[in-house]
Protein backbone atom coordinates (compact mmCIF):
# COMPACT_ATOMS: atom_id res chain seq x y z
CA MET A 1 94.91 26.76 368.41
CA SER A 2 92.94 29.69 366.42
CA ARG A 3 92.60 32.59 368.76
CA LEU A 4 89.09 33.61 367.14
CA THR A 5 86.51 30.52 366.28
CA ALA A 6 83.19 29.89 365.51
CA GLU A 7 82.00 26.44 367.16
CA GLY A 8 78.51 24.89 365.69
CA LEU A 9 77.17 28.21 364.58
CA THR A 10 73.36 28.65 363.60
CA VAL A 11 72.00 32.07 362.66
CA GLY A 12 68.76 33.37 361.42
CA TYR A 13 66.60 36.54 361.66
CA ASP A 14 63.21 35.83 362.16
CA ASP A 15 61.68 32.42 361.03
CA ARG A 16 64.72 31.90 358.79
CA VAL A 17 67.67 30.12 359.20
CA VAL A 18 70.66 31.41 357.47
CA ILE A 19 73.93 29.58 358.73
CA ASP A 20 72.81 26.17 360.53
CA GLY A 21 75.25 24.39 362.56
CA LEU A 22 78.72 26.16 361.06
CA THR A 23 82.31 25.84 362.70
CA LEU A 24 85.16 27.72 361.60
CA GLU A 25 88.55 28.20 362.36
CA ILE A 26 90.21 31.87 361.26
CA PRO A 27 94.06 31.44 360.77
CA ASP A 28 95.85 34.06 362.57
CA GLY A 29 98.11 36.45 361.35
CA VAL A 30 97.18 35.90 357.75
CA VAL A 31 94.39 37.30 355.49
CA THR A 32 91.11 35.25 355.35
CA THR A 33 88.62 36.05 352.72
CA ILE A 34 85.23 34.32 352.71
CA VAL A 35 83.06 34.35 349.47
CA GLY A 36 79.70 33.06 347.87
CA PRO A 37 76.99 33.95 346.16
CA ASN A 38 74.74 36.47 346.85
CA GLY A 39 72.64 35.92 350.65
CA CYS A 40 75.01 32.58 351.14
CA GLY A 41 75.51 34.02 354.79
CA LYS A 42 78.82 35.63 354.43
CA SER A 43 77.86 38.86 356.60
CA THR A 44 76.01 37.05 358.44
CA LEU A 45 78.73 34.99 359.44
CA LEU A 46 81.05 38.32 359.72
CA ARG A 47 78.43 39.58 362.18
CA SER A 48 78.08 37.20 364.45
CA ILE A 49 81.59 36.73 365.11
CA SER A 50 81.61 40.28 365.83
CA ARG A 51 78.99 39.85 368.26
CA LEU A 52 76.76 42.17 365.99
CA LEU A 53 73.98 38.94 365.67
CA THR A 54 73.09 36.40 368.92
CA PRO A 55 73.56 33.11 367.57
CA ARG A 56 70.54 30.45 368.36
CA SER A 57 73.02 28.07 369.12
CA GLY A 58 76.62 27.64 369.21
CA VAL A 59 79.63 29.74 370.36
CA VAL A 60 82.27 32.29 369.06
CA ARG A 61 85.28 31.76 371.04
CA LEU A 62 88.20 34.80 371.09
CA ASP A 63 91.39 32.95 372.82
CA GLY A 64 89.63 30.68 373.93
CA ASP A 65 86.27 32.28 375.77
CA ASP A 66 83.01 32.71 374.73
CA ILE A 67 83.06 36.70 373.23
CA ALA A 68 79.07 36.72 374.90
CA GLY A 69 80.77 36.81 378.37
CA ARG A 70 83.41 39.75 376.81
CA ARG A 71 82.55 43.30 378.02
CA PRO A 72 81.79 45.62 374.82
CA ARG A 73 84.96 47.45 375.90
CA ASP A 74 87.32 44.90 376.23
CA LEU A 75 86.15 43.02 372.92
CA ALA A 76 86.81 46.41 370.72
CA GLN A 77 90.32 46.59 372.18
CA VAL A 78 91.10 43.40 370.30
CA LEU A 79 88.86 43.35 367.52
CA GLY A 80 87.71 45.75 364.89
CA LEU A 81 84.42 45.76 362.33
CA LEU A 82 83.74 47.49 359.08
CA PRO A 83 79.90 46.96 358.86
CA GLN A 84 78.58 46.37 355.15
CA ASP A 85 76.44 49.65 355.57
CA PRO A 86 77.64 51.56 358.67
CA ILE A 87 75.49 55.11 358.85
CA ALA A 88 77.57 58.28 360.57
CA PRO A 89 75.67 60.41 362.90
CA SER A 90 74.96 63.86 361.18
CA GLY A 91 77.30 66.91 361.35
CA LEU A 92 80.57 65.04 361.89
CA THR A 93 83.80 65.78 360.13
CA VAL A 94 86.06 63.60 358.92
CA THR A 95 88.16 63.53 362.02
CA GLU A 96 85.66 63.50 364.27
CA LEU A 97 84.56 60.36 362.93
CA VAL A 98 87.40 58.46 362.81
CA GLU A 99 88.28 59.51 366.40
CA ARG A 100 85.52 57.24 367.28
CA GLY A 101 87.45 54.89 366.77
CA ARG A 102 89.50 55.26 369.62
CA HIS A 103 86.82 55.14 372.20
CA PRO A 104 87.74 51.93 373.28
CA HIS A 105 91.01 53.01 374.48
CA GLN A 106 89.36 56.28 376.44
CA ARG A 107 88.30 56.29 380.02
CA TRP A 108 84.58 57.32 380.36
CA TYR A 109 85.63 61.10 380.05
CA ARG A 110 87.15 60.17 376.40
CA GLN A 111 90.17 62.75 376.88
CA SER A 112 92.36 62.50 373.75
CA SER A 113 95.94 61.69 374.55
CA PRO A 114 98.62 62.04 372.35
CA ASP A 115 98.46 58.23 371.49
CA ASP A 116 94.96 58.52 370.53
CA ASP A 117 96.21 61.94 367.78
CA ALA A 118 98.94 59.67 366.92
CA ALA A 119 96.94 56.82 365.79
CA VAL A 120 93.87 58.59 364.24
CA ALA A 121 96.66 60.76 361.90
CA GLU A 122 98.11 57.51 360.91
CA ALA A 123 94.80 55.78 360.04
CA MET A 124 93.98 58.45 358.16
CA ALA A 125 97.36 59.18 356.06
CA LEU A 126 97.04 55.09 355.58
CA THR A 127 93.80 55.66 354.01
CA GLY A 128 94.37 58.50 352.32
CA VAL A 129 91.51 60.42 353.46
CA ALA A 130 93.70 63.25 355.83
CA ASP A 131 93.12 66.11 352.98
CA LEU A 132 89.50 65.47 353.65
CA ALA A 133 90.04 66.15 357.58
CA ASP A 134 87.50 68.95 358.26
CA ARG A 135 84.68 68.04 355.88
CA PRO A 136 81.29 67.00 357.02
CA VAL A 137 81.14 63.12 356.45
CA GLU A 138 77.93 63.48 354.41
CA SER A 139 79.28 65.93 352.04
CA LEU A 140 81.84 62.69 351.31
CA SER A 141 81.28 60.47 347.51
CA GLY A 142 80.42 56.57 348.44
CA GLY A 143 84.24 56.12 348.03
CA GLN A 144 85.58 58.59 349.95
CA ARG A 145 83.13 57.43 352.86
CA ARG A 146 84.24 53.68 352.76
CA ARG A 147 87.94 54.61 353.03
CA VAL A 148 87.02 57.16 356.21
CA TRP A 149 85.28 54.03 357.79
CA ILE A 150 88.14 51.94 357.21
CA ALA A 151 90.48 54.60 358.74
CA LEU A 152 88.09 54.72 361.66
CA VAL A 153 88.71 50.67 362.09
CA LEU A 154 92.45 50.99 361.55
CA ALA A 155 92.47 53.69 364.35
CA GLN A 156 91.09 51.27 366.64
CA GLN A 157 94.22 49.56 366.39
CA THR A 158 93.23 45.89 367.32
CA GLU A 159 94.71 42.75 366.37
CA ILE A 160 91.74 41.40 364.50
CA LEU A 161 90.13 42.98 361.97
CA LEU A 162 86.52 41.75 360.60
CA LEU A 163 85.86 43.99 357.27
CA ASP A 164 82.90 43.22 355.35
CA GLU A 165 83.27 44.10 351.55
CA PRO A 166 85.79 47.15 352.43
CA THR A 167 85.92 47.54 348.78
CA THR A 168 82.26 48.65 347.99
CA PHE A 169 81.66 52.33 346.06
CA LEU A 170 85.45 52.58 345.51
CA ASP A 171 87.18 52.41 341.79
CA LEU A 172 89.50 49.50 341.03
CA ALA A 173 92.76 51.85 341.53
CA HIS A 174 90.98 52.49 345.40
CA ALA A 175 90.18 49.06 345.93
CA VAL A 176 93.94 48.01 345.03
CA ASP A 177 95.11 50.55 347.44
CA VAL A 178 92.78 49.36 349.95
CA LEU A 179 93.65 45.42 349.59
CA ASP A 180 97.43 46.14 349.69
CA LEU A 181 96.97 48.19 352.99
CA VAL A 182 94.97 45.25 354.16
CA ARG A 183 97.84 42.95 352.86
CA THR A 184 100.46 45.05 354.51
CA LEU A 185 98.51 45.06 357.98
CA SER A 186 99.08 41.35 357.74
CA ALA A 187 102.40 40.44 356.61
CA GLU A 188 104.31 43.33 358.07
CA HIS A 189 102.00 44.26 361.42
CA GLY A 190 100.63 40.45 362.23
CA LYS A 191 97.29 41.37 362.08
CA THR A 192 94.48 38.72 361.74
CA VAL A 193 92.34 40.00 359.03
CA VAL A 194 89.04 38.64 357.75
CA THR A 195 87.13 40.33 354.80
CA VAL A 196 84.12 39.48 352.24
CA LEU A 197 84.72 40.60 349.15
CA HIS A 198 82.31 39.88 345.55
CA ASP A 199 85.55 39.72 343.49
CA LEU A 200 86.74 36.25 342.93
CA ASN A 201 90.11 37.39 341.61
CA LEU A 202 90.63 40.20 344.10
CA ALA A 203 89.98 37.93 346.84
CA VAL A 204 92.56 34.97 345.40
CA ARG A 205 95.24 37.59 344.77
CA TYR A 206 95.12 39.29 348.02
CA SER A 207 94.33 36.43 350.40
CA ASP A 208 96.30 33.38 352.26
CA HIS A 209 92.89 32.00 352.85
CA ILE A 210 89.67 31.38 351.30
CA VAL A 211 86.71 30.10 352.83
CA VAL A 212 83.80 29.36 350.41
CA MET A 213 80.09 29.71 351.48
CA CYS A 214 77.14 28.61 349.75
CA ASP A 215 73.83 28.10 351.24
CA GLY A 216 74.94 29.10 354.84
CA ALA A 217 77.55 26.22 354.80
CA VAL A 218 81.29 26.14 354.26
CA LEU A 219 81.98 24.21 350.91
CA ALA A 220 85.84 24.47 351.06
CA ARG A 221 88.90 26.69 353.00
CA GLY A 222 92.35 26.42 352.67
CA ALA A 223 94.88 28.34 350.74
CA PRO A 224 93.58 30.01 347.31
CA ALA A 225 95.26 27.60 344.51
CA ASP A 226 94.30 24.35 346.51
CA VAL A 227 90.26 25.93 347.04
CA ILE A 228 89.95 27.53 343.93
CA THR A 229 88.45 25.24 341.23
CA PRO A 230 86.19 25.14 338.14
CA GLN A 231 84.11 22.20 339.79
CA LEU A 232 84.23 24.21 343.24
CA LEU A 233 82.80 27.34 341.58
CA GLU A 234 80.29 25.57 339.59
CA ARG A 235 79.09 24.45 342.84
CA ALA A 236 78.94 27.36 344.81
CA PHE A 237 78.02 30.12 341.90
CA GLY A 238 76.42 28.09 339.05
CA LEU A 239 79.38 29.29 337.24
CA ARG A 240 81.28 27.69 334.21
CA SER A 241 85.03 28.98 334.10
CA VAL A 242 88.12 28.34 333.39
CA VAL A 243 91.04 28.48 336.39
CA ILE A 244 94.33 29.65 335.16
CA ARG A 245 97.56 30.55 336.22
CA ASP A 246 98.05 34.31 337.17
CA PRO A 247 101.20 35.62 335.43
CA VAL A 248 101.66 38.51 338.35
CA THR A 249 100.92 36.10 341.73
CA ASP A 250 101.87 32.68 339.94
CA GLY A 251 98.36 32.23 342.08
CA PRO A 252 94.83 30.98 340.21
CA LEU A 253 93.20 33.31 338.03
CA VAL A 254 89.30 32.64 337.27
CA VAL A 255 88.10 33.97 334.09
CA PRO A 256 84.05 32.90 333.70
CA LEU A 257 82.56 31.66 330.97
CA GLY A 258 78.75 32.04 332.13
CA ARG A 259 76.19 29.95 333.55
């Protein structure tokens, strides 16, 4: 049984229902990527799974228990979230922001330990922001800030990572670096990773499991080679395409033809 599941989830904003009765199991220890057209509910699903949004009905379970009953600190020790548009308090340096990822592991007085310092240093090294340690966060470019926020989530050292558009603001080289890191965290450290990505080919290349959403529902899920077909892409995105074999990964490669 999967550690993280959504059962009969209905979520909305004001009078608008975005997700209606969705059920989904997140495979353990692999990279799952949620894809779909804008407004289909991808980020809403991730926010619901992380308890940032309270569903109107249904339940999200972690290790069989409703996450609504978990203490925030206990949940944050297991599940880390990178939101789509995080905001840093004014005046923080990069190191100070990344250190906040250690709060779930600290006592109320938040005294840093050698383990905390080591986790922060490792996270900053992995994301390539160690040379920015003393820079104010507001002085950074969009891509630099994104990597700093990823470092914060990594410093949290959770078993499950939820990353909402982790490659936003990143150029292609840095996007590939981040997704290589995601693959390493899963393959070598056994972490369960759920991402939301817009680039279909990056999603296919770096994912073990794909969830395709449309209109608040799951159209298909499974291994990329089994899920990504021209028929499904036209149904989900209204996109005519050809799916060929990727000569590097031997998986599917999407060649868009237009609408």
